[in-house]
Amino acid sequence: MLQLNNMSFMGGGTLIPWALIPAAAICNVSPFELARRNLLPVAIGLIVTTIVALFLI
């Protein structure tokens, strides 16, 4: 149930085509490099959000 909730925060799996590729094009960087650099902060945010949600429930 919590995983489903986290996926809704991420846009239901549409994060890559709707945010990453246009941002990479605007910044003139490789989408793969941008994804690699942002993987850790996004993962930490999802983990922290899940932990906070567990305490709030």
N, C-alpha and C. Protein backbone atom coordinates (compact mmCIF):
# COMPACT_ATOMS: atom_id res chain seq x y z
N MET A 1 0.81 -1.19 0.00
CA MET A 1 0.00 0.00 0.00
C MET A 1 0.86 1.26 0.00
N LEU A 2 1.92 1.26 0.83
CA LEU A 2 2.78 2.44 0.88
C LEU A 2 3.55 2.62 -0.43
N GLN A 3 3.93 1.51 -1.05
CA GLN A 3 4.64 1.62 -2.33
C GLN A 3 3.74 2.25 -3.38
N LEU A 4 2.48 1.90 -3.39
CA LEU A 4 1.53 2.51 -4.32
C LEU A 4 1.42 4.01 -4.05
N ASN A 5 1.40 4.38 -2.79
CA ASN A 5 1.34 5.79 -2.42
C ASN A 5 2.60 6.52 -2.89
N ASN A 6 3.76 5.92 -2.73
CA ASN A 6 5.00 6.54 -3.20
C ASN A 6 5.01 6.70 -4.71
N MET A 7 4.48 5.75 -5.43
CA MET A 7 4.45 5.86 -6.88
C MET A 7 3.55 7.01 -7.32
N SER A 8 2.50 7.28 -6.55
CA SER A 8 1.64 8.41 -6.91
C SER A 8 2.37 9.73 -6.69
N PHE A 9 3.27 9.78 -5.70
CA PHE A 9 4.07 10.98 -5.49
C PHE A 9 5.03 11.21 -6.67
N MET A 10 5.47 10.14 -7.27
CA MET A 10 6.41 10.24 -8.39
C MET A 10 5.70 10.46 -9.72
N GLY A 11 4.43 10.55 -9.72
CA GLY A 11 3.70 10.79 -10.96
C GLY A 11 3.27 9.50 -11.64
N GLY A 12 3.17 8.44 -10.88
CA GLY A 12 2.72 7.18 -11.44
C GLY A 12 3.69 6.58 -12.45
N GLY A 13 4.97 6.86 -12.29
CA GLY A 13 5.97 6.30 -13.20
C GLY A 13 6.23 7.17 -14.41
N THR A 14 5.68 8.37 -14.45
CA THR A 14 5.89 9.24 -15.62
C THR A 14 6.97 10.28 -15.36
N LEU A 15 7.76 10.08 -14.31
CA LEU A 15 8.80 11.04 -13.95
C LEU A 15 9.84 11.19 -15.06
N ILE A 16 10.25 10.10 -15.66
CA ILE A 16 11.32 10.16 -16.66
C ILE A 16 10.92 10.95 -17.90
N PRO A 17 9.83 10.59 -18.61
CA PRO A 17 9.58 11.33 -19.85
C PRO A 17 9.10 12.76 -19.63
N TRP A 18 8.43 13.05 -18.52
CA TRP A 18 7.84 14.36 -18.36
C TRP A 18 8.73 15.37 -17.65
N ALA A 19 9.76 14.92 -16.94
CA ALA A 19 10.59 15.86 -16.20
C ALA A 19 12.06 15.75 -16.57
N LEU A 20 12.57 14.57 -16.65
CA LEU A 20 14.01 14.39 -16.82
C LEU A 20 14.49 14.75 -18.22
N ILE A 21 13.82 14.29 -19.23
CA ILE A 21 14.28 14.53 -20.60
C ILE A 21 14.18 16.01 -20.99
N PRO A 22 13.08 16.72 -20.70
CA PRO A 22 13.06 18.17 -21.01
C PRO A 22 14.09 18.96 -20.20
N ALA A 23 14.27 18.60 -18.92
CA ALA A 23 15.26 19.31 -18.11
C ALA A 23 16.66 19.09 -18.66
N ALA A 24 16.95 17.88 -19.11
CA ALA A 24 18.27 17.60 -19.69
C ALA A 24 18.46 18.37 -21.00
N ALA A 25 17.41 18.49 -21.77
CA ALA A 25 17.51 19.23 -23.04
C ALA A 25 17.74 20.72 -22.78
N ILE A 26 17.05 21.28 -21.79
CA ILE A 26 17.21 22.69 -21.47
C ILE A 26 18.62 22.97 -20.95
N CYS A 27 19.14 22.07 -20.12
CA CYS A 27 20.47 22.27 -19.52
C CYS A 27 21.59 21.79 -20.42
N ASN A 28 21.24 21.19 -21.55
CA ASN A 28 22.23 20.69 -22.51
C ASN A 28 23.18 19.66 -21.89
N VAL A 29 22.59 18.71 -21.14
CA VAL A 29 23.34 17.60 -20.57
C VAL A 29 22.69 16.29 -20.99
N SER A 30 23.39 15.22 -20.82
CA SER A 30 22.86 13.90 -21.15
C SER A 30 21.77 13.50 -20.14
N PRO A 31 20.64 12.98 -20.62
CA PRO A 31 19.61 12.51 -19.68
C PRO A 31 20.12 11.42 -18.75
N PHE A 32 21.01 10.57 -19.24
CA PHE A 32 21.56 9.50 -18.41
C PHE A 32 22.42 10.07 -17.29
N GLU A 33 23.21 11.09 -17.59
CA GLU A 33 24.04 11.73 -16.56
C GLU A 33 23.16 12.42 -15.52
N LEU A 34 22.12 13.10 -15.96
CA LEU A 34 21.21 13.77 -15.04
C LEU A 34 20.50 12.76 -14.15
N ALA A 35 20.07 11.64 -14.72
CA ALA A 35 19.40 10.60 -13.92
C ALA A 35 20.37 9.99 -12.91
N ARG A 36 21.61 9.78 -13.33
CA ARG A 36 22.60 9.19 -12.43
C ARG A 36 22.89 10.11 -11.25
N ARG A 37 23.01 11.41 -11.53
CA ARG A 37 23.31 12.37 -10.46
C ARG A 37 22.12 12.58 -9.51
N ASN A 38 20.90 12.40 -9.98
CA ASN A 38 19.72 12.65 -9.16
C ASN A 38 19.15 11.40 -8.50
N LEU A 39 19.73 10.24 -8.77
CA LEU A 39 19.19 9.00 -8.22
C LEU A 39 19.23 8.98 -6.69
N LEU A 40 20.35 9.34 -6.11
CA LEU A 40 20.49 9.29 -4.65
C LEU A 40 19.55 10.27 -3.94
N PRO A 41 19.48 11.55 -4.33
CA PRO A 41 18.54 12.46 -3.65
C PRO A 41 17.08 12.03 -3.78
N VAL A 42 16.69 11.51 -4.93
CA VAL A 42 15.31 11.06 -5.12
C VAL A 42 15.03 9.84 -4.25
N ALA A 43 15.96 8.90 -4.19
CA ALA A 43 15.78 7.70 -3.37
C ALA A 43 15.69 8.07 -1.89
N ILE A 44 16.55 8.99 -1.44
CA ILE A 44 16.51 9.43 -0.04
C ILE A 44 15.17 10.10 0.27
N GLY A 45 14.69 10.93 -0.64
CA GLY A 45 13.41 11.59 -0.44
C GLY A 45 12.26 10.60 -0.33
N LEU A 46 12.27 9.58 -1.16
CA LEU A 46 11.20 8.56 -1.09
C LEU A 46 11.26 7.77 0.21
N ILE A 47 12.46 7.45 0.65
CA ILE A 47 12.62 6.69 1.90
C ILE A 47 12.16 7.53 3.09
N VAL A 48 12.59 8.80 3.14
CA VAL A 48 12.19 9.68 4.24
C VAL A 48 10.67 9.89 4.24
N THR A 49 10.09 10.08 3.06
CA THR A 49 8.64 10.27 2.96
C THR A 49 7.91 9.03 3.47
N THR A 50 8.39 7.86 3.14
CA THR A 50 7.76 6.62 3.61
C THR A 50 7.86 6.48 5.12
N ILE A 51 9.02 6.81 5.68
CA ILE A 51 9.20 6.71 7.14
C ILE A 51 8.29 7.71 7.85
N VAL A 52 8.22 8.93 7.37
CA VAL A 52 7.35 9.94 7.99
C VAL A 52 5.89 9.50 7.88
N ALA A 53 5.50 8.94 6.74
CA ALA A 53 4.12 8.47 6.57
C ALA A 53 3.80 7.35 7.56
N LEU A 54 4.78 6.48 7.80
CA LEU A 54 4.55 5.39 8.77
C LEU A 54 4.30 5.94 10.17
N PHE A 55 5.01 6.99 10.54
CA PHE A 55 4.81 7.58 11.87
C PHE A 55 3.51 8.37 11.95
N LEU A 56 3.10 8.96 10.85
CA LEU A 56 1.85 9.73 10.86
C LEU A 56 0.61 8.83 10.85
N ILE A 57 0.76 7.65 10.31
CA ILE A 57 -0.38 6.72 10.27
C ILE A 57 -0.51 6.14 11.64
